């Protein structure tokens, strides 16, 4: 989808989004208007179904212009890749689908020397890191500058994550939450639950961590995306290229697996006749969705 270019053109639009102290660099770029129109045309021809607004693309391009050397950066820009990254950062479903199908699906073959399970888990974590904002920060895919191929950038990022997943302990650290955050999620408004002994609260924190770390990577990611980051089933279906019903079924199965892991871990830590077991299991069952919203960020 395209939208009308402002009457004054793309060059003028770019100038409005470049900091004043850097605008002088643009004066030395020959045929700037034609260059920008060419970039936009290449990008839209590459991703004809991705509805990114012209100004969004130009603003994103301006964001990544360096303090010096803007002329070379503009001429060598990987426009189609930058366009797709910008659209993914804005959450356009067609862009997310294209990113999954045309880039992420190529990564395993590019990292064939690494164990496939390790690469798959790294890709799940990469989806979270690149496509979701965190702590008030925008999605990290928006940091891609267009100075190299997006596929190469994604492959390098995946390899870096995969190298951190060599041991179980390293993998668990990647998904840890501060203890105080996990304890806070147990505050349910129910006096009976809130009066759990301190040792039992600490036990539940530890169990929740272990259960999340034990989930298959794809299931953990689906729960994070849906319960914490608010991705609808439609958006998840678009991202993974599956039907809505299929994704909904996967999310439900993932939730049930997490509950099963929690129950098993708790039962193994407490005596069968310990009244605390029933209390904790009741807390897990009744508060799981609320817990996920705080636990998995």
C-alpha atoms as a PDB file:
ATOM      1  CA  UNK A   1       0.000   0.000   0.000  1.00  0.00           C
ATOM      2  CA  UNK A   2       1.276   3.464  -0.840  1.00  0.00           C
ATOM      3  CA  UNK A   3       0.245   6.886   0.354  1.00  0.00           C
ATOM      4  CA  UNK A   4       0.591  10.283  -1.297  1.00  0.00           C
ATOM      5  CA  UNK A   5       3.967  11.965  -1.044  1.00  0.00           C
ATOM      6  CA  UNK A   6       3.823  15.452   0.406  1.00  0.00           C
ATOM      7  CA  UNK A   7       3.880  18.203  -2.269  1.00  0.00           C
ATOM      8  CA  UNK A   8       7.302  19.423  -1.148  1.00  0.00           C
ATOM      9  CA  UNK A   9       8.695  15.903  -1.598  1.00  0.00           C
ATOM     10  CA  UNK A  10      10.617  13.281   0.326  1.00  0.00           C
ATOM     11  CA  UNK A  11      13.778  15.372   0.655  1.00  0.00           C
ATOM     12  CA  UNK A  12      11.887  18.093   2.496  1.00  0.00           C
ATOM     13  CA  UNK A  13      10.200  15.474   4.663  1.00  0.00           C
ATOM     14  CA  UNK A  14      13.579  13.986   5.542  1.00  0.00           C
ATOM     15  CA  UNK A  15      14.931  17.389   6.527  1.00  0.00           C
ATOM     16  CA  UNK A  16      12.091  17.909   8.978  1.00  0.00           C
ATOM     17  CA  UNK A  17      13.035  14.702  10.812  1.00  0.00           C
ATOM     18  CA  UNK A  18      16.804  15.178  10.832  1.00  0.00           C
ATOM     19  CA  UNK A  19      18.228  17.169  13.784  1.00  0.00           C
ATOM     20  CA  UNK A  20      19.081  20.749  12.694  1.00  0.00           C
ATOM     21  CA  UNK A  21      22.807  20.270  13.284  1.00  0.00           C
ATOM     22  CA  UNK A  22      22.872  17.408  10.760  1.00  0.00           C
ATOM     23  CA  UNK A  23      20.831  18.932   7.958  1.00  0.00           C
ATOM     24  CA  UNK A  24      23.841  20.512   6.292  1.00  0.00           C
ATOM     25  CA  UNK A  25      25.032  17.009   5.370  1.00  0.00           C
ATOM     26  CA  UNK A  26      21.984  16.574   3.157  1.00  0.00           C
ATOM     27  CA  UNK A  27      23.029  19.530   1.004  1.00  0.00           C
ATOM     28  CA  UNK A  28      25.923  17.468  -0.315  1.00  0.00           C
ATOM     29  CA  UNK A  29      23.735  14.573  -1.482  1.00  0.00           C
ATOM     30  CA  UNK A  30      23.159  14.836  -5.226  1.00  0.00           C
ATOM     31  CA  UNK A  31      19.642  14.138  -6.449  1.00  0.00           C
ATOM     32  CA  UNK A  32      18.434  13.519  -2.905  1.00  0.00           C
ATOM     33  CA  UNK A  33      14.786  13.512  -3.920  1.00  0.00           C
ATOM     34  CA  UNK A  34      15.354  10.921  -6.644  1.00  0.00           C
ATOM     35  CA  UNK A  35      17.466   8.824  -4.292  1.00  0.00           C
ATOM     36  CA  UNK A  36      14.762   8.756  -1.646  1.00  0.00           C
ATOM     37  CA  UNK A  37      12.041   7.999  -4.160  1.00  0.00           C
ATOM     38  CA  UNK A  38      14.160   5.161  -5.456  1.00  0.00           C
ATOM     39  CA  UNK A  39      14.588   3.734  -1.970  1.00  0.00           C
ATOM     40  CA  UNK A  40      10.863   3.926  -1.318  1.00  0.00           C
ATOM     41  CA  UNK A  41      10.056   2.290  -4.640  1.00  0.00           C
ATOM     42  CA  UNK A  42      12.519  -0.554  -4.035  1.00  0.00           C
ATOM     43  CA  UNK A  43      11.089  -1.129  -0.557  1.00  0.00           C
ATOM     44  CA  UNK A  44       7.480  -1.207  -1.669  1.00  0.00           C
ATOM     45  CA  UNK A  45       8.254  -3.463  -4.608  1.00  0.00           C
ATOM     46  CA  UNK A  46       9.985  -5.846  -2.205  1.00  0.00           C
ATOM     47  CA  UNK A  47       7.110  -5.816   0.303  1.00  0.00           C
ATOM     48  CA  UNK A  48       3.957  -4.886  -1.639  1.00  0.00           C
ATOM     49  CA  UNK A  49       1.592  -6.104   1.077  1.00  0.00           C
ATOM     50  CA  UNK A  50       3.245  -4.170   3.928  1.00  0.00           C
ATOM     51  CA  UNK A  51       1.295  -0.931   4.560  1.00  0.00           C
ATOM     52  CA  UNK A  52       3.984   1.341   5.996  1.00  0.00           C
ATOM     53  CA  UNK A  53       3.272   5.056   5.702  1.00  0.00           C
ATOM     54  CA  UNK A  54       5.745   7.131   3.700  1.00  0.00           C
ATOM     55  CA  UNK A  55       6.479   9.444   6.601  1.00  0.00           C
ATOM     56  CA  UNK A  56       7.103   6.523   8.940  1.00  0.00           C
ATOM     57  CA  UNK A  57       9.757   5.208   6.583  1.00  0.00           C
ATOM     58  CA  UNK A  58      11.377   8.608   6.060  1.00  0.00           C
ATOM     59  CA  UNK A  59      11.331   9.340   9.805  1.00  0.00           C
ATOM     60  CA  UNK A  60      12.947   5.976  10.505  1.00  0.00           C
ATOM     61  CA  UNK A  61      15.592   6.624   7.858  1.00  0.00           C
ATOM     62  CA  UNK A  62      16.347  10.005   9.444  1.00  0.00           C
ATOM     63  CA  UNK A  63      16.689   8.362  12.849  1.00  0.00           C
ATOM     64  CA  UNK A  64      19.553   6.217  11.606  1.00  0.00           C
ATOM     65  CA  UNK A  65      21.557   8.895   9.808  1.00  0.00           C
ATOM     66  CA  UNK A  66      24.949   9.305  11.521  1.00  0.00           C
ATOM     67  CA  UNK A  67      26.540  12.535  12.653  1.00  0.00           C
ATOM     68  CA  UNK A  68      28.954  12.310   9.740  1.00  0.00           C
ATOM     69  CA  UNK A  69      28.908  10.378   6.475  1.00  0.00           C
ATOM     70  CA  UNK A  70      25.179  10.678   5.821  1.00  0.00           C
ATOM     71  CA  UNK A  71      25.718  10.836   2.061  1.00  0.00           C
ATOM     72  CA  UNK A  72      27.336   7.387   1.902  1.00  0.00           C
ATOM     73  CA  UNK A  73      24.808   5.910   4.319  1.00  0.00           C
ATOM     74  CA  UNK A  74      21.915   7.188   2.222  1.00  0.00           C
ATOM     75  CA  UNK A  75      23.355   5.822  -0.998  1.00  0.00           C
ATOM     76  CA  UNK A  76      24.220   2.394   0.449  1.00  0.00           C
ATOM     77  CA  UNK A  77      21.093   1.973   2.574  1.00  0.00           C
ATOM     78  CA  UNK A  78      19.390  -1.428   2.459  1.00  0.00           C
ATOM     79  CA  UNK A  79      16.062   0.302   1.894  1.00  0.00           C
ATOM     80  CA  UNK A  80      13.834  -2.760   1.593  1.00  0.00           C
ATOM     81  CA  UNK A  81      15.228  -4.253   4.791  1.00  0.00           C
ATOM     82  CA  UNK A  82      14.942  -0.968   6.692  1.00  0.00           C
ATOM     83  CA  UNK A  83      11.349  -0.595   5.511  1.00  0.00           C
ATOM     84  CA  UNK A  84      10.447  -4.095   6.742  1.00  0.00           C
ATOM     85  CA  UNK A  85      12.177  -3.551  10.093  1.00  0.00           C
ATOM     86  CA  UNK A  86      10.317  -0.288  10.609  1.00  0.00           C
ATOM     87  CA  UNK A  87       6.987  -1.921   9.775  1.00  0.00           C
ATOM     88  CA  UNK A  88       7.714  -4.818  12.160  1.00  0.00           C
ATOM     89  CA  UNK A  89       8.519  -2.314  14.879  1.00  0.00           C
ATOM     90  CA  UNK A  90       5.129  -0.708  14.305  1.00  0.00           C
ATOM     91  CA  UNK A  91       3.484  -4.123  14.586  1.00  0.00           C
ATOM     92  CA  UNK A  92       1.991  -4.422  11.089  1.00  0.00           C
ATOM     93  CA  UNK A  93       0.724  -8.016  10.722  1.00  0.00           C
ATOM     94  CA  UNK A  94       1.874  -8.329   7.110  1.00  0.00           C
ATOM     95  CA  UNK A  95       5.370  -7.222   8.115  1.00  0.00           C
ATOM     96  CA  UNK A  96       5.532  -9.693  10.987  1.00  0.00           C
ATOM     97  CA  UNK A  97       4.417 -12.464   8.657  1.00  0.00           C
ATOM     98  CA  UNK A  98       7.039 -11.482   6.064  1.00  0.00           C
ATOM     99  CA  UNK A  99       9.741 -11.315   8.717  1.00  0.00           C
ATOM    100  CA  UNK A 100       8.856 -14.825   9.880  1.00  0.00           C
ATOM    101  CA  UNK A 101       8.573 -16.372   6.422  1.00  0.00           C
ATOM    102  CA  UNK A 102      11.385 -14.628   4.551  1.00  0.00           C
ATOM    103  CA  UNK A 103      13.998 -14.158   7.261  1.00  0.00           C
ATOM    104  CA  UNK A 104      13.537 -16.255  10.386  1.00  0.00           C
ATOM    105  CA  UNK A 105      12.851 -19.413   8.404  1.00  0.00           C
ATOM    106  CA  UNK A 106      16.255 -19.022   6.697  1.00  0.00           C
ATOM    107  CA  UNK A 107      18.218 -18.808   9.928  1.00  0.00           C
ATOM    108  CA  UNK A 108      18.536 -22.548  10.780  1.00  0.00           C
ATOM    109  CA  UNK A 109      20.226 -23.339   7.469  1.00  0.00           C
ATOM    110  CA  UNK A 110      22.656 -20.435   8.026  1.00  0.00           C
ATOM    111  CA  UNK A 111      23.571 -21.848  11.457  1.00  0.00           C
ATOM    112  CA  UNK A 112      23.757 -25.505  10.437  1.00  0.00           C
ATOM    113  CA  UNK A 113      26.931 -26.019  12.480  1.00  0.00           C
ATOM    114  CA  UNK A 114      24.954 -25.419  15.703  1.00  0.00           C
ATOM    115  CA  UNK A 115      22.538 -27.954  17.247  1.00  0.00           C
ATOM    116  CA  UNK A 116      19.083 -27.402  15.750  1.00  0.00           C
ATOM    117  CA  UNK A 117      17.349 -27.416  19.132  1.00  0.00           C
ATOM    118  CA  UNK A 118      19.696 -24.713  20.360  1.00  0.00           C
ATOM    119  CA  UNK A 119      19.032 -22.584  17.281  1.00  0.00           C
ATOM    120  CA  UNK A 120      15.273 -23.079  17.600  1.00  0.00           C
ATOM    121  CA  UNK A 121      15.327 -21.938  21.208  1.00  0.00           C
ATOM    122  CA  UNK A 122      17.474 -18.940  20.277  1.00  0.00           C
ATOM    123  CA  UNK A 123      14.959 -17.997  17.583  1.00  0.00           C
ATOM    124  CA  UNK A 124      12.114 -18.062  20.079  1.00  0.00           C
ATOM    125  CA  UNK A 125      14.006 -15.704  22.339  1.00  0.00           C
ATOM    126  CA  UNK A 126      14.988 -13.566  19.359  1.00  0.00           C
ATOM    127  CA  UNK A 127      11.323 -13.084  18.443  1.00  0.00           C
ATOM    128  CA  UNK A 128      10.668 -11.718  21.907  1.00  0.00           C
ATOM    129  CA  UNK A 129      13.690  -9.448  21.974  1.00  0.00           C
ATOM    130  CA  UNK A 130      13.257  -8.011  18.489  1.00  0.00           C
ATOM    131  CA  UNK A 131       9.490  -7.740  18.103  1.00  0.00           C
ATOM    132  CA  UNK A 132       8.310  -6.666  21.556  1.00  0.00           C
ATOM    133  CA  UNK A 133       9.006  -3.551  23.550  1.00  0.00           C
ATOM    134  CA  UNK A 134      10.199  -3.974  27.114  1.00  0.00           C
ATOM    135  CA  UNK A 135      10.431  -1.619  30.075  1.00  0.00           C
ATOM    136  CA  UNK A 136       9.034   1.260  28.084  1.00  0.00           C
ATOM    137  CA  UNK A 137      11.562   0.711  25.290  1.00  0.00           C
ATOM    138  CA  UNK A 138      10.426   0.110  21.674  1.00  0.00           C
ATOM    139  CA  UNK A 139      11.027  -3.231  19.911  1.00  0.00           C
ATOM    140  CA  UNK A 140      14.730  -3.808  19.316  1.00  0.00           C
ATOM    141  CA  UNK A 141      14.234  -4.438  15.617  1.00  0.00           C
ATOM    142  CA  UNK A 142      13.960  -0.663  15.318  1.00  0.00           C
ATOM    143  CA  UNK A 143      17.672  -0.439  16.143  1.00  0.00           C
ATOM    144  CA  UNK A 144      18.525  -2.038  12.795  1.00  0.00           C
ATOM    145  CA  UNK A 145      20.102   0.778  10.771  1.00  0.00           C
ATOM    146  CA  UNK A 146      19.944  -0.554   7.222  1.00  0.00           C
ATOM    147  CA  UNK A 147      23.736  -0.511   6.788  1.00  0.00           C
ATOM    148  CA  UNK A 148      23.925  -4.236   6.167  1.00  0.00           C
ATOM    149  CA  UNK A 149      21.548  -6.993   5.138  1.00  0.00           C
ATOM    150  CA  UNK A 150      18.767  -7.580   7.666  1.00  0.00           C
ATOM    151  CA  UNK A 151      19.120 -11.351   7.266  1.00  0.00           C
ATOM    152  CA  UNK A 152      22.801 -11.190   8.234  1.00  0.00           C
ATOM    153  CA  UNK A 153      21.921  -9.009  11.241  1.00  0.00           C
ATOM    154  CA  UNK A 154      19.283 -11.532  12.339  1.00  0.00           C
ATOM    155  CA  UNK A 155      21.606 -14.513  11.850  1.00  0.00           C
ATOM    156  CA  UNK A 156      24.357 -12.878  13.913  1.00  0.00           C
ATOM    157  CA  UNK A 157      21.873 -11.970  16.640  1.00  0.00           C
ATOM    158  CA  UNK A 158      20.545 -15.534  16.734  1.00  0.00           C
ATOM    159  CA  UNK A 159      24.035 -17.019  16.879  1.00  0.00           C
ATOM    160  CA  UNK A 160      24.930 -14.729  19.760  1.00  0.00           C
ATOM    161  CA  UNK A 161      21.865 -15.844  21.729  1.00  0.00           C
ATOM    162  CA  UNK A 162      22.425 -19.501  20.866  1.00  0.00           C
ATOM    163  CA  UNK A 163      25.946 -19.325  22.242  1.00  0.00           C
ATOM    164  CA  UNK A 164      24.455 -18.280  25.574  1.00  0.00           C
ATOM    165  CA  UNK A 165      22.191 -21.326  25.681  1.00  0.00           C
ATOM    166  CA  UNK A 166      24.860 -24.002  25.960  1.00  0.00           C
ATOM    167  CA  UNK A 167      23.986 -25.045  29.479  1.00  0.00           C
ATOM    168  CA  UNK A 168      20.775 -25.320  31.422  1.00  0.00           C
ATOM    169  CA  UNK A 169      21.953 -22.817  34.014  1.00  0.00           C
ATOM    170  CA  UNK A 170      22.757 -20.203  31.378  1.00  0.00           C
ATOM    171  CA  UNK A 171      19.377 -20.727  29.747  1.00  0.00           C
ATOM    172  CA  UNK A 172      17.515 -20.332  33.021  1.00  0.00           C
ATOM    173  CA  UNK A 173      19.340 -17.066  33.778  1.00  0.00           C
ATOM    174  CA  UNK A 174      17.993 -15.609  30.552  1.00  0.00           C
ATOM    175  CA  UNK A 175      14.451 -15.985  31.854  1.00  0.00           C
ATOM    176  CA  UNK A 176      14.974 -15.048  35.500  1.00  0.00           C
ATOM    177  CA  UNK A 177      12.907 -12.374  37.202  1.00  0.00           C
ATOM    178  CA  UNK A 178      13.999 -10.382  40.267  1.00  0.00           C
ATOM    179  CA  UNK A 179      12.788 -12.241  43.380  1.00  0.00           C
ATOM    180  CA  UNK A 180      10.832  -9.227  44.569  1.00  0.00           C
ATOM    181  CA  UNK A 181       8.846  -9.192  41.318  1.00  0.00           C
ATOM    182  CA  UNK A 182       7.948 -12.858  41.673  1.00  0.00           C
ATOM    183  CA  UNK A 183       6.929 -12.395  45.289  1.00  0.00           C
ATOM    184  CA  UNK A 184       4.762  -9.440  44.325  1.00  0.00           C
ATOM    185  CA  UNK A 185       2.824 -11.517  41.829  1.00  0.00           C
ATOM    186  CA  UNK A 186       1.666 -13.688  44.719  1.00  0.00           C
ATOM    187  CA  UNK A 187      -0.228 -10.779  46.244  1.00  0.00           C
ATOM    188  CA  UNK A 188      -3.742 -11.750  45.203  1.00  0.00           C
ATOM    189  CA  UNK A 189      -5.976  -9.773  47.529  1.00  0.00           C
ATOM    190  CA  UNK A 190      -6.939 -13.013  49.231  1.00  0.00           C
ATOM    191  CA  UNK A 191      -5.834 -12.766  52.904  1.00  0.00           C
ATOM    192  CA  UNK A 192      -5.413 -16.525  53.156  1.00  0.00           C
ATOM    193  CA  UNK A 193      -2.979 -16.614  50.276  1.00  0.00           C
ATOM    194  CA  UNK A 194      -1.201 -13.404  51.204  1.00  0.00           C
ATOM    195  CA  UNK A 195      -0.426 -14.864  54.634  1.00  0.00           C
ATOM    196  CA  UNK A 196       1.561 -17.746  53.173  1.00  0.00           C
ATOM    197  CA  UNK A 197       4.675 -18.456  55.196  1.00  0.00           C
ATOM    198  CA  UNK A 198       7.759 -16.706  53.887  1.00  0.00           C
ATOM    199  CA  UNK A 199       9.441 -20.022  53.110  1.00  0.00           C
ATOM    200  CA  UNK A 200       6.437 -21.125  51.044  1.00  0.00           C
ATOM    201  CA  UNK A 201       6.420 -17.860  49.094  1.00  0.00           C
ATOM    202  CA  UNK A 202      10.091 -18.363  48.321  1.00  0.00           C
ATOM    203  CA  UNK A 203       9.366 -21.954  47.310  1.00  0.00           C
ATOM    204  CA  UNK A 204       6.673 -20.860  44.870  1.00  0.00           C
ATOM    205  CA  UNK A 205       8.992 -18.267  43.329  1.00  0.00           C
ATOM    206  CA  UNK A 206      11.596 -20.954  42.711  1.00  0.00           C
ATOM    207  CA  UNK A 207       9.039 -23.405  41.333  1.00  0.00           C
ATOM    208  CA  UNK A 208       7.600 -20.862  38.921  1.00  0.00           C
ATOM    209  CA  UNK A 209      11.067 -20.107  37.581  1.00  0.00           C
ATOM    210  CA  UNK A 210      11.911 -23.758  37.071  1.00  0.00           C
ATOM    211  CA  UNK A 211       8.601 -24.522  35.387  1.00  0.00           C
ATOM    212  CA  UNK A 212       9.028 -21.692  32.888  1.00  0.00           C
ATOM    213  CA  UNK A 213      12.595 -22.730  32.124  1.00  0.00           C
ATOM    214  CA  UNK A 214      11.417 -26.317  31.552  1.00  0.00           C
ATOM    215  CA  UNK A 215       8.795 -25.374  28.964  1.00  0.00           C
ATOM    216  CA  UNK A 216       9.666 -25.962  25.313  1.00  0.00           C
ATOM    217  CA  UNK A 217      10.917 -22.679  23.792  1.00  0.00           C
ATOM    218  CA  UNK A 218       7.953 -22.178  21.458  1.00  0.00           C
ATOM    219  CA  UNK A 219       5.420 -22.712  24.245  1.00  0.00           C
ATOM    220  CA  UNK A 220       7.219 -20.310  26.559  1.00  0.00           C
ATOM    221  CA  UNK A 221       7.287 -17.688  23.820  1.00  0.00           C
ATOM    222  CA  UNK A 222       3.596 -18.103  23.025  1.00  0.00           C
ATOM    223  CA  UNK A 223       2.676 -17.611  26.680  1.00  0.00           C
ATOM    224  CA  UNK A 224       4.878 -14.532  26.940  1.00  0.00           C
ATOM    225  CA  UNK A 225       3.492 -13.009  23.751  1.00  0.00           C
ATOM    226  CA  UNK A 226      -0.140 -13.649  24.628  1.00  0.00           C
ATOM    227  CA  UNK A 227      -0.362 -13.245  28.388  1.00  0.00           C
ATOM    228  CA  UNK A 228       2.252 -10.568  28.981  1.00  0.00           C
ATOM    229  CA  UNK A 229       2.507  -8.583  25.774  1.00  0.00           C
ATOM    230  CA  UNK A 230      -1.135  -8.817  24.783  1.00  0.00           C
ATOM    231  CA  UNK A 231      -0.695 -10.380  21.353  1.00  0.00           C
ATOM    232  CA  UNK A 232      -4.123 -11.487  20.170  1.00  0.00           C
ATOM    233  CA  UNK A 233      -4.665 -14.907  18.640  1.00  0.00           C
ATOM    234  CA  UNK A 234      -5.076 -13.218  15.269  1.00  0.00           C
ATOM    235  CA  UNK A 235      -1.707 -11.506  15.589  1.00  0.00           C
ATOM    236  CA  UNK A 236       0.004 -14.696  16.724  1.00  0.00           C
ATOM    237  CA  UNK A 237      -1.568 -16.573  13.820  1.00  0.00           C
ATOM    238  CA  UNK A 238      -0.206 -13.945  11.434  1.00  0.00           C
ATOM    239  CA  UNK A 239       3.259 -14.053  12.961  1.00  0.00           C
ATOM    240  CA  UNK A 240       3.548 -17.841  12.866  1.00  0.00           C
ATOM    241  CA  UNK A 241       1.628 -18.383   9.633  1.00  0.00           C
ATOM    242  CA  UNK A 242      -0.962 -20.635  11.283  1.00  0.00           C
ATOM    243  CA  UNK A 243      -4.707 -20.623  11.685  1.00  0.00           C
ATOM    244  CA  UNK A 244      -6.249 -18.713  14.580  1.00  0.00           C
ATOM    245  CA  UNK A 245      -7.750 -21.882  16.022  1.00  0.00           C
ATOM    246  CA  UNK A 246      -4.419 -23.669  15.746  1.00  0.00           C
ATOM    247  CA  UNK A 247      -2.572 -20.937  17.629  1.00  0.00           C
ATOM    248  CA  UNK A 248      -5.301 -20.743  20.284  1.00  0.00           C
ATOM    249  CA  UNK A 249      -4.980 -24.479  20.799  1.00  0.00           C
ATOM    250  CA  UNK A 250      -1.202 -24.152  21.191  1.00  0.00           C
ATOM    251  CA  UNK A 251      -1.566 -21.403  23.781  1.00  0.00           C
ATOM    252  CA  UNK A 252      -4.056 -23.496  25.747  1.00  0.00           C
ATOM    253  CA  UNK A 253      -1.782 -26.539  25.581  1.00  0.00           C
ATOM    254  CA  UNK A 254       1.155 -24.436  26.743  1.00  0.00           C
ATOM    255  CA  UNK A 255      -0.829 -23.128  29.704  1.00  0.00           C
ATOM    256  CA  UNK A 256      -1.873 -26.651  30.656  1.00  0.00           C
ATOM    257  CA  UNK A 257       1.718 -27.890  30.398  1.00  0.00           C
ATOM    258  CA  UNK A 258       2.890 -25.079  32.668  1.00  0.00           C
ATOM    259  CA  UNK A 259       0.231 -25.974  35.231  1.00  0.00           C
ATOM    260  CA  UNK A 260       1.260 -29.627  35.102  1.00  0.00           C
ATOM    261  CA  UNK A 261       4.920 -28.716  35.634  1.00  0.00           C
ATOM    262  CA  UNK A 262       4.010 -26.478  38.550  1.00  0.00           C
ATOM    263  CA  UNK A 263       1.892 -29.146  40.213  1.00  0.00           C
ATOM    264  CA  UNK A 264       4.576 -31.815  39.789  1.00  0.00           C
ATOM    265  CA  UNK A 265       7.319 -29.571  41.140  1.00  0.00           C
ATOM    266  CA  UNK A 266       5.240 -28.516  44.136  1.00  0.00           C
ATOM    267  CA  UNK A 267       4.193 -32.081  44.916  1.00  0.00           C
ATOM    268  CA  UNK A 268       7.833 -33.131  44.861  1.00  0.00           C
ATOM    269  CA  UNK A 269       8.838 -30.399  47.292  1.00  0.00           C
ATOM    270  CA  UNK A 270       6.022 -30.781  49.856  1.00  0.00           C
ATOM    271  CA  UNK A 271       4.629 -33.727  51.789  1.00  0.00           C
ATOM    272  CA  UNK A 272       1.294 -35.042  50.451  1.00  0.00           C
ATOM    273  CA  UNK A 273      -0.420 -34.269  53.747  1.00  0.00           C
ATOM    274  CA  UNK A 274       1.014 -30.757  53.999  1.00  0.00           C
ATOM    275  CA  UNK A 275      -1.906 -28.318  53.988  1.00  0.00           C
ATOM    276  CA  UNK A 276       0.365 -25.842  52.237  1.00  0.00           C
ATOM    277  CA  UNK A 277       0.326 -28.039  49.128  1.00  0.00           C
ATOM    278  CA  UNK A 278      -3.413 -27.540  48.618  1.00  0.00           C
ATOM    279  CA  UNK A 279      -3.043 -23.844  49.329  1.00  0.00           C
ATOM    280  CA  UNK A 280      -0.252 -23.392  46.810  1.00  0.00           C
ATOM    281  CA  UNK A 281      -1.969 -25.476  44.156  1.00  0.00           C
ATOM    282  CA  UNK A 282      -5.110 -23.437  44.630  1.00  0.00           C
ATOM    283  CA  UNK A 283      -3.088 -20.264  44.235  1.00  0.00           C
ATOM    284  CA  UNK A 284      -1.462 -21.568  41.073  1.00  0.00           C
ATOM    285  CA  UNK A 285      -4.803 -22.546  39.529  1.00  0.00           C
ATOM    286  CA  UNK A 286      -6.709 -19.399  40.415  1.00  0.00           C
ATOM    287  CA  UNK A 287      -3.975 -16.886  39.742  1.00  0.00           C
ATOM    288  CA  UNK A 288      -2.088 -18.323  36.768  1.00  0.00           C
ATOM    289  CA  UNK A 289      -3.131 -15.706  34.223  1.00  0.00           C
ATOM    290  CA  UNK A 290      -2.381 -12.873  36.629  1.00  0.00           C
ATOM    291  CA  UNK A 291       0.910 -14.504  37.517  1.00  0.00           C
ATOM    292  CA  UNK A 292       1.931 -14.844  33.874  1.00  0.00           C
ATOM    293  CA  UNK A 293       1.317 -11.166  33.291  1.00  0.00           C
ATOM    294  CA  UNK A 294       3.957 -10.327  35.899  1.00  0.00           C
ATOM    295  CA  UNK A 295       6.244 -13.316  35.746  1.00  0.00           C
ATOM    296  CA  UNK A 296       7.181 -13.594  32.101  1.00  0.00           C
ATOM    297  CA  UNK A 297       8.363 -10.117  31.172  1.00  0.00           C
END
